[in-house]
Amino acid sequence: MLRKLINVVVIFFSFCSFIPGAWAGEPEIVGETAALMDARTGQLLYGKEEHKRMFPASTTKVLTALVALERARLDDVVTIGANPITAGGTSMWFVEGERLTMEELLYALMLNSANDAGVAIAEHIAGSVENFAELCNKRAKEIGARDTHFTNPHGMPDENHYSTAYDLALIGREAMKNKDFRKIVSTVHHEVPRTDPEAQKYLFNHNKLLWSKIYGYKGATGIKTGYTVQAGQCIIASAEREGRELIAVVLRSEGSNLWSDAARLLDYGFANFTNRQLVYHGKVMDNLPVKYGKSNVDLVADQDFFYTFPRQGANEVQISTETVKEITAPVTKGQVLGAVVIGSGNKELGRVNLVAAADVQRDWLALCKAFFTWTVPPLLVLLWIRRRVVLNRKRRKRAARRRQYYGYGSE
């Protein structure tokens, strides 16, 4: 790879006096562990023992819902078996044989925090709670949640069922990319159609940040609360302002402190950080010759790149390209031919692939020219050498005949 520096950007964020609390100290959190993450960039903006393994309680259901949405259809009809009835904890009191759609079960899971809905979902998708837990653990690892291990779909206490504030932020961030998930967790109330007129139908979201006059948070978008005696008060919260979305996680908080903890984290993130776009999808970043090609090829970024910076202070950002040493035709549109490297000082902030903006066909005339350039001269040299050898051989023969004719060399 060859590197070429193409830009040095100095990003300066002056102190914004109109932003309340800008560059106040880090938030004081009652919860035992916490994490704050930018949803777009995935950068950790605040952490309090964010990698400590904890009981996640019903925040588990975020991953349950994500796996369900990825592996089932919303209109799948699920028949309630015997196991969901014995799930324990918060319940919708489904009865064996009752039939509901996957969508209604997801609303029950995420708004009412129904454990029986979680078991029904798990058995429908994987055949058993144990098999479903394996799917969840596999998905968690794909997301990057390395300190997460689930044994059930609802979060009831188990010594082998744990996660961390950081991992739950990653899981929440991934789940919020799913439009159906976003719709469900931002819903305040929902009615589940049930045949029994006495059965619970009306759901109300446990996340008070969405609706409470006392604890409501401006711009709240989701996502899930949780509680057990062992786990304490837990929440994964999200909020969006001015095009930025943050994910806040608080584990093992106490009482109403849960809501103030989440609000302090979100306030801190919105007040003290901002996102800047450094690379634009489709922008031409370089132009390179193509060996035996009909034209040069433009290299474009294959995605946008944003980075989260503190609002105050200056940041010098270097943007450079790394490209392959030689490109040979044919070239296919979208072919990876290098990377945009974004750095600050000695730290690499990220990379974006550089891809061919268009196809480049092979130039047969250029190829033939190259062929003759590389083959004809050596061939001519070989022919010249061969001719010299033949001539020398003939010359020696003539000389030998002359010697023999005049008696040279005879006794």
Protein backbone atom coordinates (compact mmCIF):
# COMPACT_ATOMS: atom_id res chain seq x y z
CA MET A 1 0.00 0.00 0.00
CA LEU A 2 1.14 3.53 -0.77
CA ARG A 3 0.09 6.36 1.52
CA LYS A 4 -0.54 9.91 0.42
CA LEU A 5 -1.51 12.74 2.75
CA ILE A 6 -4.40 14.59 1.13
CA ASN A 7 -5.70 16.83 3.85
CA VAL A 8 -5.03 18.17 7.31
CA VAL A 9 -8.13 19.47 9.03
CA VAL A 10 -7.94 21.50 12.20
CA ILE A 11 -11.26 21.22 13.98
CA PHE A 12 -11.77 23.88 16.60
CA PHE A 13 -14.70 23.94 18.96
CA SER A 14 -14.97 27.07 20.99
CA PHE A 15 -16.72 27.14 24.31
CA CYS A 16 -20.44 27.50 23.66
CA SER A 17 -21.82 29.62 26.46
CA PHE A 18 -25.40 29.07 25.33
CA ILE A 19 -25.21 25.33 26.00
CA PRO A 20 -26.34 24.77 29.60
CA GLY A 21 -23.79 22.89 31.65
CA ALA A 22 -21.23 22.69 28.86
CA TRP A 23 -18.00 21.30 30.27
CA ALA A 24 -19.41 20.80 33.67
CA GLY A 25 -17.68 17.95 35.49
CA GLU A 26 -18.56 14.37 34.72
CA PRO A 27 -22.03 13.41 35.93
CA GLU A 28 -22.47 11.92 39.38
CA ILE A 29 -24.23 8.60 38.94
CA VAL A 30 -25.90 6.65 41.75
CA GLY A 31 -25.90 3.45 39.71
CA GLU A 32 -23.05 1.03 40.37
CA THR A 33 -21.99 0.97 36.71
CA ALA A 34 -22.84 3.15 33.71
CA ALA A 35 -21.92 3.90 30.12
CA LEU A 36 -22.72 6.63 27.61
CA MET A 37 -22.24 5.99 23.90
CA ASP A 38 -22.76 7.96 20.72
CA ALA A 39 -25.20 5.93 18.61
CA ARG A 40 -23.69 6.96 15.27
CA THR A 41 -19.99 6.54 15.99
CA GLY A 42 -20.10 3.95 18.78
CA GLN A 43 -17.64 6.01 20.80
CA LEU A 44 -17.75 5.73 24.57
CA LEU A 45 -18.25 9.22 26.01
CA TYR A 46 -18.48 8.28 29.68
CA GLY A 47 -17.94 5.15 31.70
CA LYS A 48 -18.29 4.11 35.32
CA GLU A 49 -16.93 0.58 35.77
CA GLU A 50 -18.46 0.00 32.35
CA HIS A 51 -16.78 -3.40 31.88
CA LYS A 52 -17.84 -4.86 35.24
CA ARG A 53 -20.08 -7.90 34.84
CA MET A 54 -23.54 -7.32 36.29
CA PHE A 55 -27.01 -8.86 36.35
CA PRO A 56 -28.85 -7.11 33.49
CA ALA A 57 -32.44 -7.93 34.55
CA SER A 58 -34.97 -7.13 31.79
CA THR A 59 -32.53 -5.11 29.71
CA THR A 60 -31.80 -8.65 28.46
CA LYS A 61 -34.97 -8.32 26.38
CA VAL A 62 -33.33 -5.82 24.04
CA LEU A 63 -31.18 -8.61 22.60
CA THR A 64 -34.12 -11.03 22.71
CA ALA A 65 -36.19 -8.64 20.60
CA LEU A 66 -33.34 -7.96 18.17
CA VAL A 67 -32.71 -11.68 17.55
CA ALA A 68 -36.46 -12.25 17.14
CA LEU A 69 -36.77 -9.45 14.59
CA GLU A 70 -33.81 -10.80 12.64
CA ARG A 71 -35.00 -14.41 12.62
CA ALA A 72 -38.79 -14.20 12.44
CA ARG A 73 -41.55 -12.27 10.70
CA LEU A 74 -43.81 -9.87 12.56
CA ASP A 75 -46.85 -11.71 11.23
CA ASP A 76 -45.62 -15.14 12.38
CA VAL A 77 -48.33 -16.78 14.48
CA VAL A 78 -46.99 -18.17 17.75
CA THR A 79 -48.85 -20.79 19.77
CA ILE A 80 -48.24 -20.51 23.51
CA GLY A 81 -46.89 -23.73 25.00
CA ALA A 82 -46.72 -24.95 28.59
CA ASN A 83 -43.34 -23.40 29.49
CA PRO A 84 -44.17 -19.68 29.11
CA ILE A 85 -46.89 -20.03 31.75
CA THR A 86 -44.26 -20.92 34.36
CA ALA A 87 -41.75 -18.20 33.42
CA GLY A 88 -42.33 -16.22 36.62
CA GLY A 89 -41.88 -12.51 37.22
CA THR A 90 -43.77 -9.93 35.19
CA SER A 91 -46.29 -11.70 32.98
CA MET A 92 -49.16 -11.25 30.53
CA TRP A 93 -50.68 -14.47 31.89
CA PHE A 94 -50.92 -16.17 28.54
CA VAL A 95 -52.70 -19.52 28.50
CA GLU A 96 -51.51 -22.68 26.80
CA GLY A 97 -52.78 -22.89 23.25
CA GLU A 98 -53.32 -19.13 22.92
CA ARG A 99 -52.21 -17.77 19.55
CA LEU A 100 -50.60 -14.36 19.01
CA THR A 101 -48.46 -12.79 16.32
CA MET A 102 -44.75 -12.25 16.86
CA GLU A 103 -45.42 -8.50 16.71
CA GLU A 104 -47.87 -8.62 19.63
CA LEU A 105 -45.46 -10.74 21.65
CA LEU A 106 -42.70 -8.19 21.04
CA TYR A 107 -44.92 -5.37 22.27
CA ALA A 108 -45.71 -7.42 25.38
CA LEU A 109 -42.01 -8.15 25.85
CA MET A 110 -40.74 -4.59 25.47
CA LEU A 111 -43.59 -2.48 26.92
CA ASN A 112 -45.02 -4.73 29.63
CA SER A 113 -41.70 -6.58 30.14
CA ALA A 114 -43.58 -9.88 29.98
CA ASN A 115 -41.34 -12.84 30.76
CA ASP A 116 -43.86 -15.33 29.36
CA ALA A 117 -43.70 -13.48 26.04
CA GLY A 118 -39.92 -13.92 26.07
CA VAL A 119 -40.17 -17.68 26.57
CA ALA A 120 -42.83 -17.99 23.84
CA ILE A 121 -40.59 -16.06 21.43
CA ALA A 122 -37.56 -18.18 22.31
CA GLU A 123 -39.37 -21.48 21.81
CA HIS A 124 -40.92 -20.35 18.53
CA ILE A 125 -37.55 -19.34 17.05
CA ALA A 126 -35.14 -21.90 18.51
CA GLY A 127 -37.27 -24.68 19.97
CA SER A 128 -36.10 -24.09 23.52
CA VAL A 129 -34.88 -21.37 25.87
CA GLU A 130 -31.41 -22.95 25.89
CA ASN A 131 -31.09 -22.95 22.11
CA PHE A 132 -32.34 -19.38 21.93
CA ALA A 133 -29.78 -18.28 24.53
CA GLU A 134 -27.06 -19.69 22.28
CA LEU A 135 -28.37 -17.57 19.40
CA CYS A 136 -28.35 -14.50 21.64
CA ASN A 137 -24.79 -15.15 22.80
CA LYS A 138 -23.62 -15.60 19.22
CA ARG A 139 -25.28 -12.34 18.19
CA ALA A 140 -23.79 -10.53 21.18
CA LYS A 141 -20.29 -11.57 20.12
CA GLU A 142 -20.97 -10.36 16.57
CA ILE A 143 -21.95 -6.97 17.98
CA GLY A 144 -18.76 -6.83 20.05
CA ALA A 145 -20.32 -7.56 23.45
CA ARG A 146 -17.50 -9.78 24.70
CA ASP A 147 -18.49 -9.77 28.38
CA THR A 148 -22.08 -10.87 27.85
CA HIS A 149 -23.52 -14.34 28.42
CA PHE A 150 -27.25 -15.04 28.57
CA THR A 151 -29.02 -18.19 29.71
CA ASN A 152 -32.61 -17.02 29.19
CA PRO A 153 -34.61 -14.51 27.11
CA HIS A 154 -35.99 -12.40 29.97
CA GLY A 155 -33.21 -11.68 32.47
CA MET A 156 -34.41 -13.56 35.54
CA PRO A 157 -31.42 -14.04 37.88
CA ASP A 158 -28.87 -16.73 37.02
CA GLU A 159 -25.20 -16.67 38.00
CA ASN A 160 -24.27 -17.42 34.39
CA HIS A 161 -26.51 -14.67 33.01
CA TYR A 162 -24.58 -11.40 32.92
CA SER A 163 -23.54 -8.39 30.88
CA THR A 164 -21.83 -5.02 31.34
CA ALA A 165 -22.89 -1.42 30.92
CA TYR A 166 -20.60 -1.12 27.90
CA ASP A 167 -21.91 -4.29 26.26
CA LEU A 168 -25.52 -3.26 26.80
CA ALA A 169 -24.76 0.09 25.16
CA LEU A 170 -23.40 -1.80 22.15
CA ILE A 171 -26.46 -4.06 22.07
CA GLY A 172 -28.83 -1.11 22.45
CA ARG A 173 -27.04 0.77 19.68
CA GLU A 174 -27.34 -2.21 17.33
CA ALA A 175 -31.00 -2.78 18.17
CA MET A 176 -31.90 0.86 17.54
CA LYS A 177 -30.71 0.46 13.94
CA ASN A 178 -33.73 -1.79 13.35
CA LYS A 179 -36.76 0.30 12.35
CA ASP A 180 -39.29 -2.20 13.75
CA PHE A 181 -37.45 -2.28 17.06
CA ARG A 182 -37.38 1.53 17.21
CA LYS A 183 -41.10 1.69 16.58
CA ILE A 184 -41.89 -0.77 19.35
CA VAL A 185 -39.67 0.73 22.06
CA SER A 186 -40.81 4.29 21.35
CA THR A 187 -44.48 3.32 21.74
CA VAL A 188 -46.03 4.54 24.99
CA HIS A 189 -49.16 2.37 25.01
CA HIS A 190 -50.46 -0.50 22.91
CA GLU A 191 -53.42 -2.87 22.86
CA VAL A 192 -52.89 -6.59 22.31
CA PRO A 193 -55.92 -8.36 20.80
CA ARG A 194 -56.90 -11.37 22.95
CA THR A 195 -59.90 -13.66 22.78
CA ASP A 196 -60.50 -13.78 26.54
CA PRO A 197 -62.33 -10.56 27.51
CA GLU A 198 -60.84 -10.80 31.01
CA ALA A 199 -57.25 -11.12 29.79
CA GLN A 200 -54.79 -8.23 29.97
CA LYS A 201 -54.86 -6.31 26.70
CA TYR A 202 -53.52 -2.86 27.45
CA LEU A 203 -49.79 -2.27 27.64
CA PHE A 204 -48.05 0.78 29.03
CA ASN A 205 -44.34 1.37 28.51
CA HIS A 206 -42.32 1.13 31.74
CA ASN A 207 -39.80 3.67 30.42
CA LYS A 208 -40.83 6.90 32.14
CA LEU A 209 -38.34 8.93 30.13
CA LEU A 210 -40.80 8.65 27.24
CA TRP A 211 -43.92 9.97 28.93
CA SER A 212 -43.63 11.04 32.58
CA LYS A 213 -44.31 14.68 33.47
CA ILE A 214 -41.75 14.35 36.27
CA TYR A 215 -39.09 12.09 34.75
CA GLY A 216 -39.72 12.54 31.03
CA TYR A 217 -36.71 13.47 28.91
CA LYS A 218 -36.87 15.71 25.86
CA GLY A 219 -36.04 13.72 22.75
CA ALA A 220 -36.27 10.29 24.42
CA THR A 221 -36.57 7.50 21.84
CA GLY A 222 -36.47 4.28 23.94
CA ILE A 223 -35.44 1.64 24.98
CA LYS A 224 -35.80 -0.73 28.05
CA THR A 225 -35.90 -0.80 31.82
CA GLY A 226 -35.30 -3.71 34.16
CA TYR A 227 -35.45 -4.68 37.81
CA THR A 228 -34.74 -7.64 40.05
CA VAL A 229 -33.59 -7.64 43.64
CA GLN A 230 -30.18 -8.91 42.53
CA ALA A 231 -29.82 -6.46 39.63
CA GLY A 232 -31.38 -3.37 41.17
CA GLN A 233 -32.87 -0.69 38.93
CA CYS A 234 -31.50 -0.89 35.38
CA ILE A 235 -32.06 0.98 32.15
CA ILE A 236 -30.85 1.31 28.61
CA ALA A 237 -32.05 4.73 27.50
CA SER A 238 -31.79 6.62 24.24
CA ALA A 239 -32.50 10.18 23.19
CA GLU A 240 -32.06 12.24 20.04
CA ARG A 241 -31.37 15.96 19.67
CA GLU A 242 -30.28 17.96 16.63
CA GLY A 243 -29.60 14.82 14.63
CA ARG A 244 -27.50 13.15 17.34
CA GLU A 245 -28.61 10.08 19.26
CA LEU A 246 -27.05 8.87 22.49
CA ILE A 247 -27.32 5.54 24.30
CA ALA A 248 -27.12 5.65 28.10
CA VAL A 249 -26.89 2.60 30.36
CA VAL A 250 -27.24 2.54 34.14
CA LEU A 251 -27.08 -0.68 36.15
CA ARG A 252 -27.95 -1.27 39.79
CA SER A 253 -29.31 2.17 40.55
CA GLU A 254 -31.81 2.87 43.32
CA GLY A 255 -35.45 3.93 43.03
CA SER A 256 -36.12 7.16 41.17
CA ASN A 257 -32.37 7.80 40.92
CA LEU A 258 -32.55 5.60 37.83
CA TRP A 259 -34.28 8.37 35.87
CA SER A 260 -32.01 11.15 37.09
CA ASP A 261 -28.94 8.99 36.40
CA ALA A 262 -30.05 8.45 32.81
CA ALA A 263 -30.93 12.12 32.35
CA ARG A 264 -27.56 13.28 33.71
CA LEU A 265 -25.72 11.00 31.33
CA LEU A 266 -27.71 12.19 28.33
CA ASP A 267 -27.37 15.86 29.33
CA TYR A 268 -23.62 15.41 29.68
CA GLY A 269 -23.31 13.85 26.25
CA PHE A 270 -25.39 16.44 24.43
CA ALA A 271 -23.74 19.39 26.19
CA ASN A 272 -20.11 18.40 25.87
CA PHE A 273 -19.71 16.49 22.62
CA THR A 274 -20.57 16.90 18.97
CA ASN A 275 -20.22 14.86 15.80
CA ARG A 276 -18.31 15.97 12.73
CA GLN A 277 -18.39 14.30 9.34
CA LEU A 278 -14.86 13.79 8.05
CA VAL A 279 -15.45 11.53 5.04
CA TYR A 280 -18.39 11.59 2.64
CA HIS A 281 -19.79 8.54 0.91
CA GLY A 282 -19.18 8.67 -2.83
CA LYS A 283 -16.69 11.54 -2.68
CA VAL A 284 -13.70 11.18 -5.02
CA MET A 285 -10.61 10.90 -2.83
CA ASP A 286 -7.98 9.92 -5.41
CA ASN A 287 -7.42 9.20 -9.10
CA LEU A 288 -4.99 6.52 -10.21
CA PRO A 289 -3.69 5.17 -13.51
CA VAL A 290 -4.78 1.70 -14.52
CA LYS A 291 -2.21 -0.50 -16.21
CA TYR A 292 -3.54 -1.66 -19.59
CA GLY A 293 -6.76 0.23 -18.88
CA LYS A 294 -8.71 2.56 -21.16
CA SER A 295 -8.72 5.29 -18.50
CA ASN A 296 -7.69 6.21 -14.98
CA VAL A 297 -9.98 5.20 -12.13
CA ASP A 298 -11.54 7.48 -9.52
CA LEU A 299 -11.40 6.13 -5.98
CA VAL A 300 -14.40 7.03 -3.83
CA ALA A 301 -15.22 6.47 -0.15
CA ASP A 302 -17.67 3.59 0.28
CA GLN A 303 -19.32 5.11 3.36
CA ASP A 304 -19.61 8.22 5.50
CA PHE A 305 -17.31 8.62 8.48
CA PHE A 306 -18.27 10.62 11.56
CA TYR A 307 -16.25 11.19 14.70
CA THR A 308 -17.36 12.48 18.08
CA PHE A 309 -15.26 15.36 19.42
CA PRO A 310 -15.40 17.39 22.62
CA ARG A 311 -17.15 20.70 21.94
CA GLN A 312 -14.29 22.64 23.52
CA GLY A 313 -10.73 22.71 22.23
CA ALA A 314 -8.91 22.14 18.95
CA ASN A 315 -8.33 18.84 17.21
CA GLU A 316 -5.93 18.44 14.29
CA VAL A 317 -7.12 15.66 12.03
CA GLN A 318 -5.03 14.14 9.25
CA ILE A 319 -6.81 12.51 6.33
CA SER A 320 -4.67 10.39 4.03
CA THR A 321 -5.18 7.69 1.44
CA GLU A 322 -3.55 4.30 1.15
CA THR A 323 -3.78 2.66 -2.26
CA VAL A 324 -2.47 -0.47 -3.91
CA LYS A 325 0.89 0.00 -5.62
CA GLU A 326 -0.37 -0.95 -9.05
CA ILE A 327 -3.85 -1.36 -10.53
CA THR A 328 -4.22 -3.61 -13.56
CA ALA A 329 -7.25 -3.69 -15.85
CA PRO A 330 -9.94 -4.83 -15.83
CA VAL A 331 -11.30 -2.95 -12.79
CA THR A 332 -14.81 -3.56 -11.46
CA LYS A 333 -16.97 -0.81 -9.96
CA GLY A 334 -16.91 -1.18 -6.17
CA GLN A 335 -13.59 -3.03 -6.17
CA VAL A 336 -11.61 -2.18 -3.02
CA LEU A 337 -8.38 -0.48 -4.05
CA GLY A 338 -7.31 1.28 -0.87
CA ALA A 339 -8.48 3.12 2.21
CA VAL A 340 -8.99 6.58 3.64
CA VAL A 341 -7.09 6.77 6.93
CA ILE A 342 -8.28 9.29 9.50
CA GLY A 343 -5.88 10.13 12.31
CA SER A 344 -5.11 12.65 15.01
CA GLY A 345 -1.53 12.88 16.19
CA ASN A 346 -0.27 9.31 16.50
CA LYS A 347 -3.77 7.90 16.96
CA GLU A 348 -5.74 6.32 14.13
CA LEU A 349 -9.39 7.33 14.43
CA GLY A 350 -10.73 5.08 11.72
CA ARG A 351 -10.62 3.80 8.15
CA VAL A 352 -12.97 3.85 5.20
CA ASN A 353 -12.54 1.67 2.12
CA LEU A 354 -11.69 3.33 -1.18
CA VAL A 355 -13.46 1.65 -4.07
CA ALA A 356 -13.50 2.05 -7.84
CA ALA A 357 -16.14 4.56 -8.91
CA ALA A 358 -16.66 2.82 -12.26
CA ASP A 359 -15.58 -0.12 -14.37
CA VAL A 360 -12.35 0.25 -16.33
CA GLN A 361 -12.11 -2.06 -19.32
CA ARG A 362 -8.90 -3.54 -20.63
CA ASP A 363 -7.35 -1.55 -23.51
CA TRP A 364 -6.34 -4.25 -25.97
CA LEU A 365 -4.30 -1.83 -28.05
CA ALA A 366 -2.28 -0.86 -24.98
CA LEU A 367 -1.95 -4.52 -24.06
CA CYS A 368 -0.68 -5.40 -27.56
CA LYS A 369 1.70 -2.47 -27.47
CA ALA A 370 3.00 -3.65 -24.12
CA PHE A 371 3.30 -7.16 -25.49
CA PHE A 372 5.38 -6.01 -28.44
CA THR A 373 7.37 -3.67 -26.21
CA TRP A 374 8.34 -6.51 -23.92
CA THR A 375 8.65 -9.35 -26.44
CA VAL A 376 9.87 -7.97 -29.80
CA PRO A 377 13.18 -6.39 -28.63
CA PRO A 378 14.32 -9.54 -26.81
CA LEU A 379 13.24 -11.59 -29.82
CA LEU A 380 15.26 -9.37 -32.17
CA VAL A 381 18.26 -9.72 -29.89
CA LEU A 382 17.89 -13.49 -29.95
CA LEU A 383 17.60 -13.47 -33.74
CA TRP A 384 20.69 -11.25 -33.99
CA ILE A 385 22.63 -13.57 -31.71
CA ARG A 386 21.46 -16.59 -33.69
CA ARG A 387 22.50 -14.92 -36.93
CA ARG A 388 25.91 -14.07 -35.46
CA VAL A 389 26.35 -17.68 -34.38
CA VAL A 390 25.41 -18.96 -37.84
CA LEU A 391 27.71 -16.46 -39.57
CA ASN A 392 30.59 -17.30 -37.28
CA ARG A 393 30.03 -20.98 -37.89
CA LYS A 394 30.07 -20.44 -41.68
CA ARG A 395 33.15 -18.26 -41.41
CA ARG A 396 34.99 -20.96 -39.48
CA LYS A 397 34.00 -23.56 -42.06
CA ARG A 398 35.28 -21.40 -44.94
CA ALA A 399 38.52 -20.76 -43.08
CA ALA A 400 38.94 -24.48 -42.51
CA ARG A 401 38.38 -25.23 -46.18
CA ARG A 402 40.95 -22.61 -47.21
CA ARG A 403 43.52 -24.07 -44.89
CA GLN A 404 42.85 -27.49 -46.27
CA TYR A 405 43.09 -26.24 -49.90
CA TYR A 406 46.43 -24.52 -49.39
CA GLY A 407 47.79 -27.29 -47.26
CA TYR A 408 47.84 -25.38 -44.02
CA GLY A 409 48.19 -27.60 -41.02
CA SER A 410 49.41 -30.74 -43.03
CA GLU A 411 52.65 -32.60 -42.28
